[in-house]
């Protein structure tokens, strides 16, 4: 039986190990290029930015913080602009004040509010997914997000996407 690599560094006495490695690399590159350009489907979808209007719900807001969310403020999420405040509405924050023998009593919490902020911005919509400013996902009630303005920072949940596109 012959040695696999002889004393001159040839594989089975016929081809150099280095040449074989280079040949294998060229074949792998050719197969990869074929798959990338001939087999995989090219993406031809272009997504336009459309106007979007959505509401944010902020709970348990103190009186002084309520006055720092103003119409016309620009909202940011981690430094990315996500829209402009167009309306701010507040209602009293309600919480459980007492439970007794299975009965629950709710009451207004003094100087605390639930604030609904309506925001306008631009978004891309693709396959039912809405991305504000092309990077920030916008889903109703999915999770809380930290929003900032010039005067305030708050944690809010997207309550409703009121309108996007030409609807």
N, C-alpha and C. Protein backbone atom coordinates (compact mmCIF):
# COMPACT_ATOMS: atom_id res chain seq x y z
N UNK A 1 0.84 -1.19 0.00
CA UNK A 1 0.00 0.00 0.00
C UNK A 1 0.88 1.24 0.00
N UNK A 2 0.52 2.19 -0.84
CA UNK A 2 1.30 3.43 -0.95
C UNK A 2 1.00 4.34 0.23
N UNK A 3 1.97 5.16 0.56
CA UNK A 3 1.75 6.18 1.57
C UNK A 3 0.84 7.26 0.98
N UNK A 4 0.06 7.85 1.83
CA UNK A 4 -0.84 8.90 1.34
C UNK A 4 -0.06 10.14 0.91
N UNK A 5 0.92 10.54 1.71
CA UNK A 5 1.76 11.69 1.36
C UNK A 5 3.20 11.17 1.29
N UNK A 6 3.83 11.33 0.12
CA UNK A 6 5.20 10.84 -0.03
C UNK A 6 6.21 11.84 0.50
N UNK A 7 7.50 11.53 0.32
CA UNK A 7 8.57 12.39 0.87
C UNK A 7 8.66 13.74 0.20
N UNK A 8 8.06 13.92 -0.98
CA UNK A 8 8.09 15.21 -1.67
C UNK A 8 6.84 16.04 -1.36
N UNK A 9 5.94 15.55 -0.48
CA UNK A 9 4.76 16.29 -0.07
C UNK A 9 3.63 16.18 -1.07
N UNK A 10 3.62 15.12 -1.88
CA UNK A 10 2.56 14.92 -2.85
C UNK A 10 1.55 13.94 -2.30
N UNK A 11 0.29 14.21 -2.57
CA UNK A 11 -0.80 13.36 -2.13
C UNK A 11 -0.91 12.18 -3.10
N UNK A 12 -0.79 10.97 -2.56
CA UNK A 12 -0.80 9.73 -3.35
C UNK A 12 0.26 9.75 -4.45
N UNK A 13 1.31 10.50 -4.26
CA UNK A 13 2.41 10.56 -5.20
C UNK A 13 2.10 11.32 -6.47
N UNK A 14 0.96 12.02 -6.55
CA UNK A 14 0.57 12.67 -7.79
C UNK A 14 0.43 14.18 -7.71
N UNK A 15 -0.18 14.71 -6.63
CA UNK A 15 -0.46 16.14 -6.54
C UNK A 15 0.05 16.67 -5.21
N UNK A 16 0.58 17.86 -5.24
CA UNK A 16 1.10 18.50 -4.04
C UNK A 16 -0.06 18.82 -3.08
N UNK A 17 0.20 18.68 -1.78
CA UNK A 17 -0.81 18.98 -0.78
C UNK A 17 -1.24 20.45 -0.86
N UNK A 18 -0.32 21.34 -1.10
CA UNK A 18 -0.62 22.77 -1.23
C UNK A 18 -1.49 23.01 -2.46
N UNK A 19 -1.14 22.36 -3.57
CA UNK A 19 -1.95 22.51 -4.78
C UNK A 19 -3.36 21.96 -4.55
N UNK A 20 -3.45 20.85 -3.85
CA UNK A 20 -4.76 20.27 -3.56
C UNK A 20 -5.59 21.22 -2.69
N UNK A 21 -4.98 21.85 -1.70
CA UNK A 21 -5.68 22.81 -0.85
C UNK A 21 -6.19 24.00 -1.63
N UNK A 22 -5.35 24.52 -2.54
CA UNK A 22 -5.76 25.66 -3.37
C UNK A 22 -6.90 25.26 -4.30
N UNK A 23 -6.81 24.07 -4.90
CA UNK A 23 -7.87 23.58 -5.77
C UNK A 23 -9.19 23.43 -5.01
N UNK A 24 -9.11 22.89 -3.81
CA UNK A 24 -10.30 22.74 -2.97
C UNK A 24 -10.91 24.10 -2.62
N UNK A 25 -10.08 25.10 -2.31
CA UNK A 25 -10.55 26.45 -2.01
C UNK A 25 -11.24 27.08 -3.21
N UNK A 26 -10.67 26.91 -4.41
CA UNK A 26 -11.27 27.47 -5.62
C UNK A 26 -12.62 26.81 -5.89
N UNK A 27 -12.72 25.50 -5.68
CA UNK A 27 -14.00 24.80 -5.88
C UNK A 27 -15.04 25.31 -4.89
N UNK A 28 -14.65 25.51 -3.63
CA UNK A 28 -15.59 26.00 -2.62
C UNK A 28 -16.08 27.41 -2.95
N UNK A 29 -15.20 28.28 -3.42
CA UNK A 29 -15.59 29.64 -3.81
C UNK A 29 -16.54 29.59 -5.00
N UNK A 30 -16.26 28.73 -5.98
CA UNK A 30 -17.12 28.61 -7.15
C UNK A 30 -18.51 28.11 -6.76
N UNK A 31 -18.59 27.13 -5.88
CA UNK A 31 -19.89 26.61 -5.43
C UNK A 31 -20.65 27.70 -4.65
N UNK A 32 -19.96 28.41 -3.78
CA UNK A 32 -20.60 29.49 -3.02
C UNK A 32 -21.13 30.59 -3.92
N UNK A 33 -20.36 30.98 -4.94
CA UNK A 33 -20.81 32.01 -5.88
C UNK A 33 -22.02 31.53 -6.67
N UNK A 34 -22.00 30.27 -7.08
CA UNK A 34 -23.14 29.71 -7.81
C UNK A 34 -24.40 29.76 -6.95
N UNK A 35 -24.30 29.32 -5.71
CA UNK A 35 -25.46 29.31 -4.82
C UNK A 35 -25.96 30.73 -4.59
N UNK A 36 -25.05 31.65 -4.33
CA UNK A 36 -25.45 33.03 -4.03
C UNK A 36 -26.14 33.70 -5.22
N UNK A 37 -25.58 33.55 -6.40
CA UNK A 37 -26.09 34.31 -7.54
C UNK A 37 -27.10 33.55 -8.40
N UNK A 38 -27.12 32.23 -8.34
CA UNK A 38 -28.01 31.48 -9.22
C UNK A 38 -29.14 30.77 -8.47
N UNK A 39 -28.92 30.36 -7.24
CA UNK A 39 -29.91 29.55 -6.53
C UNK A 39 -30.78 30.39 -5.61
N UNK A 40 -30.17 31.26 -4.80
CA UNK A 40 -30.93 32.05 -3.84
C UNK A 40 -31.79 33.08 -4.56
N UNK A 41 -33.00 33.27 -4.02
CA UNK A 41 -33.92 34.23 -4.60
C UNK A 41 -33.46 35.65 -4.27
N UNK A 42 -33.44 36.49 -5.26
CA UNK A 42 -33.05 37.89 -5.06
C UNK A 42 -34.20 38.65 -4.43
N UNK A 43 -33.90 39.52 -3.50
CA UNK A 43 -34.94 40.34 -2.90
C UNK A 43 -35.14 41.58 -3.75
N UNK A 44 -36.35 41.76 -4.20
CA UNK A 44 -36.66 42.92 -5.04
C UNK A 44 -37.72 43.79 -4.39
N UNK A 45 -37.97 43.55 -3.10
CA UNK A 45 -39.01 44.31 -2.42
C UNK A 45 -38.44 45.64 -1.95
N UNK A 46 -39.10 46.70 -2.34
CA UNK A 46 -38.73 48.02 -1.82
C UNK A 46 -39.88 48.47 -0.92
N UNK A 47 -39.53 49.02 0.20
CA UNK A 47 -40.53 49.44 1.16
C UNK A 47 -40.44 50.95 1.31
N UNK A 48 -41.59 51.60 1.12
CA UNK A 48 -41.63 53.05 1.24
C UNK A 48 -41.97 53.47 2.67
N UNK A 49 -41.46 54.61 3.06
CA UNK A 49 -41.83 55.18 4.35
C UNK A 49 -43.19 55.85 4.20
N UNK A 50 -44.09 55.53 5.14
CA UNK A 50 -45.45 56.09 5.11
C UNK A 50 -45.72 56.79 6.43
N UNK A 51 -46.65 57.74 6.44
CA UNK A 51 -46.99 58.39 7.70
C UNK A 51 -47.65 57.39 8.65
N UNK A 52 -47.35 57.52 9.93
CA UNK A 52 -47.96 56.64 10.93
C UNK A 52 -48.39 57.49 12.12
N UNK A 53 -49.48 57.08 12.74
CA UNK A 53 -49.99 57.78 13.93
C UNK A 53 -50.30 56.70 14.96
N UNK A 54 -49.74 56.82 16.15
CA UNK A 54 -49.93 55.80 17.18
C UNK A 54 -50.02 56.44 18.55
N UNK A 55 -50.58 55.68 19.50
CA UNK A 55 -50.72 56.20 20.86
C UNK A 55 -49.81 55.43 21.81
N UNK A 56 -49.31 56.16 22.79
CA UNK A 56 -48.50 55.57 23.85
C UNK A 56 -49.27 55.72 25.15
N UNK A 57 -49.17 54.72 26.00
CA UNK A 57 -49.81 54.80 27.32
C UNK A 57 -48.74 54.75 28.39
N UNK A 58 -48.75 55.76 29.25
CA UNK A 58 -47.81 55.85 30.35
C UNK A 58 -48.64 55.82 31.63
N UNK A 59 -48.30 54.92 32.54
CA UNK A 59 -49.09 54.80 33.77
C UNK A 59 -48.32 55.35 34.96
N UNK A 60 -49.08 55.73 35.98
CA UNK A 60 -48.52 56.17 37.26
C UNK A 60 -47.59 57.38 37.11
N UNK A 61 -48.03 58.37 36.35
CA UNK A 61 -47.23 59.56 36.08
C UNK A 61 -47.51 60.61 37.15
N UNK A 62 -46.46 61.20 37.67
CA UNK A 62 -46.63 62.28 38.66
C UNK A 62 -47.04 63.57 37.97
N UNK A 63 -47.61 64.46 38.74
CA UNK A 63 -48.13 65.71 38.22
C UNK A 63 -47.05 66.52 37.50
N UNK A 64 -45.86 66.64 38.11
CA UNK A 64 -44.81 67.46 37.50
C UNK A 64 -44.30 66.84 36.21
N UNK A 65 -44.30 65.49 36.12
CA UNK A 65 -43.84 64.83 34.89
C UNK A 65 -44.85 65.00 33.77
N UNK A 66 -46.14 65.02 34.14
CA UNK A 66 -47.20 65.21 33.16
C UNK A 66 -47.00 66.49 32.36
N UNK A 67 -46.57 67.54 33.03
CA UNK A 67 -46.40 68.83 32.36
C UNK A 67 -45.11 68.92 31.54
N UNK A 68 -44.28 67.90 31.58
CA UNK A 68 -43.05 67.88 30.79
C UNK A 68 -43.19 67.08 29.50
N UNK A 69 -44.39 66.59 29.22
CA UNK A 69 -44.67 65.95 27.94
C UNK A 69 -45.57 66.91 27.18
N UNK A 70 -45.04 67.54 26.14
CA UNK A 70 -45.74 68.64 25.50
C UNK A 70 -46.00 68.36 24.02
N UNK A 71 -47.08 68.93 23.52
CA UNK A 71 -47.37 68.86 22.09
C UNK A 71 -46.23 69.53 21.34
N UNK A 72 -45.75 68.87 20.29
CA UNK A 72 -44.63 69.41 19.50
C UNK A 72 -43.28 68.81 19.87
N UNK A 73 -43.20 68.14 21.02
CA UNK A 73 -41.93 67.49 21.41
C UNK A 73 -41.60 66.36 20.45
N UNK A 74 -40.33 66.20 20.16
CA UNK A 74 -39.86 65.10 19.34
C UNK A 74 -39.52 63.94 20.28
N UNK A 75 -39.99 62.73 19.95
CA UNK A 75 -39.72 61.55 20.77
C UNK A 75 -38.56 60.76 20.18
N UNK A 76 -37.77 60.19 21.08
CA UNK A 76 -36.62 59.37 20.68
C UNK A 76 -36.66 58.04 21.42
N UNK A 77 -36.16 57.00 20.76
CA UNK A 77 -35.90 55.71 21.39
C UNK A 77 -34.45 55.40 21.09
N UNK A 78 -33.64 55.31 22.13
CA UNK A 78 -32.19 55.09 22.02
C UNK A 78 -31.54 55.96 20.94
N UNK A 79 -31.89 57.23 20.96
CA UNK A 79 -31.28 58.20 20.06
C UNK A 79 -31.90 58.29 18.67
N UNK A 80 -32.86 57.43 18.35
CA UNK A 80 -33.51 57.45 17.05
C UNK A 80 -34.84 58.17 17.16
N UNK A 81 -35.06 59.15 16.29
CA UNK A 81 -36.31 59.90 16.32
C UNK A 81 -37.46 59.00 15.86
N UNK A 82 -38.52 58.92 16.68
CA UNK A 82 -39.65 58.04 16.36
C UNK A 82 -40.96 58.80 16.15
N UNK A 83 -40.92 60.10 16.19
CA UNK A 83 -42.13 60.87 15.92
C UNK A 83 -42.23 62.14 16.72
N UNK A 84 -43.36 62.83 16.52
CA UNK A 84 -43.63 64.09 17.20
C UNK A 84 -44.95 63.98 17.94
N UNK A 85 -44.98 64.49 19.16
CA UNK A 85 -46.19 64.47 19.98
C UNK A 85 -47.21 65.42 19.37
N UNK A 86 -48.43 64.91 19.12
CA UNK A 86 -49.49 65.76 18.56
C UNK A 86 -50.64 65.96 19.53
N UNK A 87 -50.74 65.10 20.56
CA UNK A 87 -51.81 65.26 21.53
C UNK A 87 -51.42 64.55 22.82
N UNK A 88 -51.78 65.18 23.95
CA UNK A 88 -51.53 64.59 25.26
C UNK A 88 -52.82 64.66 26.07
N UNK A 89 -53.26 63.50 26.57
CA UNK A 89 -54.46 63.44 27.40
C UNK A 89 -54.12 62.70 28.68
N UNK A 90 -54.68 63.17 29.79
CA UNK A 90 -54.42 62.53 31.09
C UNK A 90 -55.74 62.22 31.77
N UNK A 91 -55.73 61.12 32.51
CA UNK A 91 -56.87 60.75 33.35
C UNK A 91 -56.30 60.25 34.67
N UNK A 92 -57.09 60.24 35.71
CA UNK A 92 -56.58 59.79 37.02
C UNK A 92 -56.11 58.33 36.96
N UNK A 93 -55.04 58.06 37.67
CA UNK A 93 -54.52 56.70 37.79
C UNK A 93 -55.32 55.98 38.87
N UNK A 94 -55.84 54.79 38.52
CA UNK A 94 -56.63 54.01 39.47
C UNK A 94 -55.81 52.81 39.90
N UNK A 95 -55.94 52.46 41.17
CA UNK A 95 -55.24 51.31 41.72
C UNK A 95 -56.11 50.65 42.78
N UNK A 96 -55.73 49.44 43.14
CA UNK A 96 -56.44 48.73 44.20
C UNK A 96 -56.11 49.42 45.52
N UNK A 97 -57.15 49.83 46.25
CA UNK A 97 -56.92 50.49 47.53
C UNK A 97 -57.17 49.56 48.71
N UNK A 98 -57.98 48.53 48.49
CA UNK A 98 -58.26 47.63 49.61
C UNK A 98 -58.85 46.34 49.08
N UNK A 99 -58.52 45.26 49.74
CA UNK A 99 -59.17 43.98 49.47
C UNK A 99 -59.62 43.42 50.81
N UNK A 100 -60.83 42.88 50.82
CA UNK A 100 -61.35 42.33 52.07
C UNK A 100 -62.33 41.22 51.71
N UNK A 101 -62.05 40.03 52.17
CA UNK A 101 -62.95 38.88 51.99
C UNK A 101 -63.36 38.71 50.53
N UNK A 102 -62.39 38.82 49.61
CA UNK A 102 -62.68 38.60 48.20
C UNK A 102 -63.23 39.80 47.47
N UNK A 103 -63.44 40.91 48.16
CA UNK A 103 -63.94 42.13 47.52
C UNK A 103 -62.76 43.06 47.26
N UNK A 104 -62.71 43.62 46.05
CA UNK A 104 -61.62 44.52 45.67
C UNK A 104 -62.19 45.92 45.46
N UNK A 105 -61.58 46.90 46.09
CA UNK A 105 -61.98 48.29 45.90
C UNK A 105 -60.89 49.04 45.14
N UNK A 106 -61.32 49.74 44.11
CA UNK A 106 -60.42 50.56 43.31
C UNK A 106 -60.63 52.02 43.67
N UNK A 107 -59.57 52.79 43.57
CA UNK A 107 -59.69 54.21 43.84
C UNK A 107 -58.67 55.00 43.05
N UNK A 108 -58.94 56.29 42.90
CA UNK A 108 -57.99 57.17 42.23
C UNK A 108 -56.80 57.42 43.14
N UNK A 109 -55.61 57.41 42.57
CA UNK A 109 -54.40 57.70 43.33
C UNK A 109 -54.14 59.20 43.21
N UNK A 110 -54.03 59.90 44.34
CA UNK A 110 -53.84 61.35 44.28
C UNK A 110 -52.54 61.72 43.56
N UNK A 111 -52.62 62.74 42.73
CA UNK A 111 -51.49 63.31 42.00
C UNK A 111 -50.76 62.29 41.11
N UNK A 112 -51.48 61.26 40.67
CA UNK A 112 -50.93 60.28 39.72
C UNK A 112 -51.91 60.15 38.55
N UNK A 113 -51.35 59.98 37.35
CA UNK A 113 -52.17 59.98 36.15
C UNK A 113 -51.77 58.85 35.20
N UNK A 114 -52.70 58.51 34.33
CA UNK A 114 -52.43 57.69 33.16
C UNK A 114 -52.44 58.66 31.99
N UNK A 115 -51.35 58.70 31.25
CA UNK A 115 -51.22 59.67 30.17
C UNK A 115 -51.22 58.93 28.83
N UNK A 116 -52.06 59.39 27.92
CA UNK A 116 -52.06 58.87 26.56
C UNK A 116 -51.46 59.95 25.66
N UNK A 117 -50.42 59.57 24.95
CA UNK A 117 -49.70 60.48 24.07
C UNK A 117 -49.92 60.00 22.65
N UNK A 118 -50.42 60.88 21.79
CA UNK A 118 -50.58 60.52 20.39
C UNK A 118 -49.38 61.08 19.62
N UNK A 119 -48.80 60.22 18.80
CA UNK A 119 -47.54 60.54 18.12
C UNK A 119 -47.71 60.35 16.61
N UNK A 120 -47.11 61.24 15.84
CA UNK A 120 -47.04 61.10 14.38
C UNK A 120 -45.59 60.93 13.98
N UNK A 121 -45.36 60.05 13.03
CA UNK A 121 -44.01 59.83 12.53
C UNK A 121 -44.07 59.17 11.16
N UNK A 122 -42.95 58.60 10.75
CA UNK A 122 -42.90 57.84 9.51
C UNK A 122 -42.49 56.41 9.83
N UNK A 123 -43.04 55.48 9.05
CA UNK A 123 -42.76 54.07 9.30
C UNK A 123 -42.72 53.31 7.99
N UNK A 124 -42.09 52.16 8.03
CA UNK A 124 -42.16 51.24 6.91
C UNK A 124 -43.02 50.07 7.36
N UNK A 125 -43.85 49.57 6.45
CA UNK A 125 -44.74 48.45 6.75
C UNK A 125 -44.43 47.34 5.76
N UNK A 126 -44.06 46.18 6.30
CA UNK A 126 -43.74 45.04 5.45
C UNK A 126 -44.19 43.77 6.16
N UNK A 127 -45.02 42.99 5.50
CA UNK A 127 -45.54 41.74 6.06
C UNK A 127 -46.21 41.96 7.41
N UNK A 128 -46.91 43.07 7.57
CA UNK A 128 -47.61 43.35 8.81
C UNK A 128 -46.73 43.90 9.92
N UNK A 129 -45.46 44.05 9.68
CA UNK A 129 -44.53 44.57 10.68
C UNK A 129 -44.31 46.05 10.43
N UNK A 130 -44.47 46.85 11.46
CA UNK A 130 -44.33 48.30 11.35
C UNK A 130 -43.03 48.71 12.04
N UNK A 131 -42.15 49.39 11.29
CA UNK A 131 -40.89 49.89 11.83
C UNK A 131 -40.88 51.41 11.74
N UNK A 132 -40.83 52.08 12.86
CA UNK A 132 -40.78 53.54 12.89
C UNK A 132 -39.34 53.95 12.61
N UNK A 133 -39.18 54.94 11.75
CA UNK A 133 -37.86 55.43 11.34
C UNK A 133 -36.97 54.30 10.83
N UNK A 134 -37.59 53.28 10.24
CA UNK A 134 -36.94 52.13 9.62
C UNK A 134 -36.19 51.22 10.57
N UNK A 135 -36.16 51.52 11.87
CA UNK A 135 -35.37 50.69 12.78
C UNK A 135 -36.08 50.27 14.06
N UNK A 136 -37.05 51.04 14.51
CA UNK A 136 -37.68 50.77 15.81
C UNK A 136 -39.00 50.03 15.58
N UNK A 137 -39.12 48.77 16.04
CA UNK A 137 -40.38 48.04 15.84
C UNK A 137 -41.51 48.65 16.65
N UNK A 138 -42.68 48.67 16.05
CA UNK A 138 -43.85 49.26 16.68
C UNK A 138 -44.95 48.21 16.74
N UNK A 139 -45.17 47.67 17.93
CA UNK A 139 -46.19 46.66 18.12
C UNK A 139 -47.09 47.05 19.27
N UNK A 140 -48.38 46.84 19.12
CA UNK A 140 -49.33 47.25 20.15
C UNK A 140 -49.26 46.33 21.35
N UNK A 141 -49.05 46.94 22.50
CA UNK A 141 -49.07 46.23 23.77
C UNK A 141 -47.99 45.19 23.94
N UNK A 142 -47.01 45.15 23.06
CA UNK A 142 -46.02 44.08 23.11
C UNK A 142 -45.07 44.22 24.28
N UNK A 143 -44.48 45.37 24.43
CA UNK A 143 -43.53 45.56 25.53
C UNK A 143 -43.41 47.04 25.83
N UNK A 144 -42.83 47.30 26.97
CA UNK A 144 -42.61 48.69 27.33
C UNK A 144 -41.29 49.15 26.74
N UNK A 145 -41.24 50.40 26.38
CA UNK A 145 -40.06 50.98 25.76
C UNK A 145 -39.76 52.30 26.44
N UNK A 146 -38.49 52.63 26.55
CA UNK A 146 -38.08 53.91 27.13
C UNK A 146 -38.07 54.96 26.02
N UNK A 147 -38.88 55.98 26.19
CA UNK A 147 -38.96 57.10 25.26
C UNK A 147 -38.36 58.32 25.95
N UNK A 148 -37.76 59.19 25.17
CA UNK A 148 -37.22 60.44 25.73
C UNK A 148 -37.67 61.61 24.86
N UNK A 149 -37.80 62.75 25.52
CA UNK A 149 -38.04 64.02 24.84
C UNK A 149 -36.95 64.96 25.34
N UNK A 150 -37.09 66.19 24.97
CA UNK A 150 -36.12 67.18 25.45
C UNK A 150 -36.22 67.36 26.96
N UNK A 151 -37.44 67.16 27.50
CA UNK A 151 -37.69 67.46 28.90
C UNK A 151 -37.95 66.25 29.79
N UNK A 152 -38.23 65.10 29.20
CA UNK A 152 -38.66 63.96 30.01
C UNK A 152 -38.16 62.63 29.44
N UNK A 153 -38.12 61.65 30.32
CA UNK A 153 -37.85 60.27 29.93
C UNK A 153 -38.92 59.43 30.60
N UNK A 154 -39.55 58.55 29.85
CA UNK A 154 -40.64 57.75 30.41
C UNK A 154 -40.71 56.39 29.74
N UNK A 155 -41.32 55.47 30.46
CA UNK A 155 -41.53 54.12 29.95
C UNK A 155 -42.98 54.03 29.53
N UNK A 156 -43.22 53.62 28.27
CA UNK A 156 -44.58 53.58 27.75
C UNK A 156 -44.81 52.29 26.96
N UNK A 157 -46.08 51.99 26.80
CA UNK A 157 -46.51 50.87 25.98
C UNK A 157 -47.30 51.42 24.81
N UNK A 158 -47.08 50.87 23.62
CA UNK A 158 -47.86 51.30 22.47
C UNK A 158 -49.28 50.78 22.64
N UNK A 159 -50.22 51.71 22.77
CA UNK A 159 -51.60 51.32 23.00
C UNK A 159 -52.31 50.94 21.73
N UNK A 160 -52.09 51.71 20.67
CA UNK A 160 -52.82 51.48 19.44
C UNK A 160 -52.09 52.17 18.28
N UNK A 161 -52.05 51.49 17.15
CA UNK A 161 -51.56 52.14 15.94
C UNK A 161 -52.81 52.65 15.24
N UNK A 162 -53.01 53.96 15.30
CA UNK A 162 -54.24 54.56 14.84
C UNK A 162 -54.32 54.52 13.32
N UNK A 163 -53.22 54.85 12.65
CA UNK A 163 -53.26 54.96 11.21
C UNK A 163 -51.85 54.80 10.67
N UNK A 164 -51.75 54.09 9.57
CA UNK A 164 -50.51 54.13 8.81
C UNK A 164 -50.81 54.01 7.34
N UNK A 165 -49.98 54.67 6.56
CA UNK A 165 -50.19 54.68 5.11
C UNK A 165 -51.34 55.57 4.75
N UNK A 166 -52.09 55.14 3.73
CA UNK A 166 -53.19 55.95 3.19
C UNK A 166 -54.54 55.56 3.78
N UNK A 167 -54.55 54.83 4.88
CA UNK A 167 -55.83 54.38 5.46
C UNK A 167 -56.62 55.52 6.02
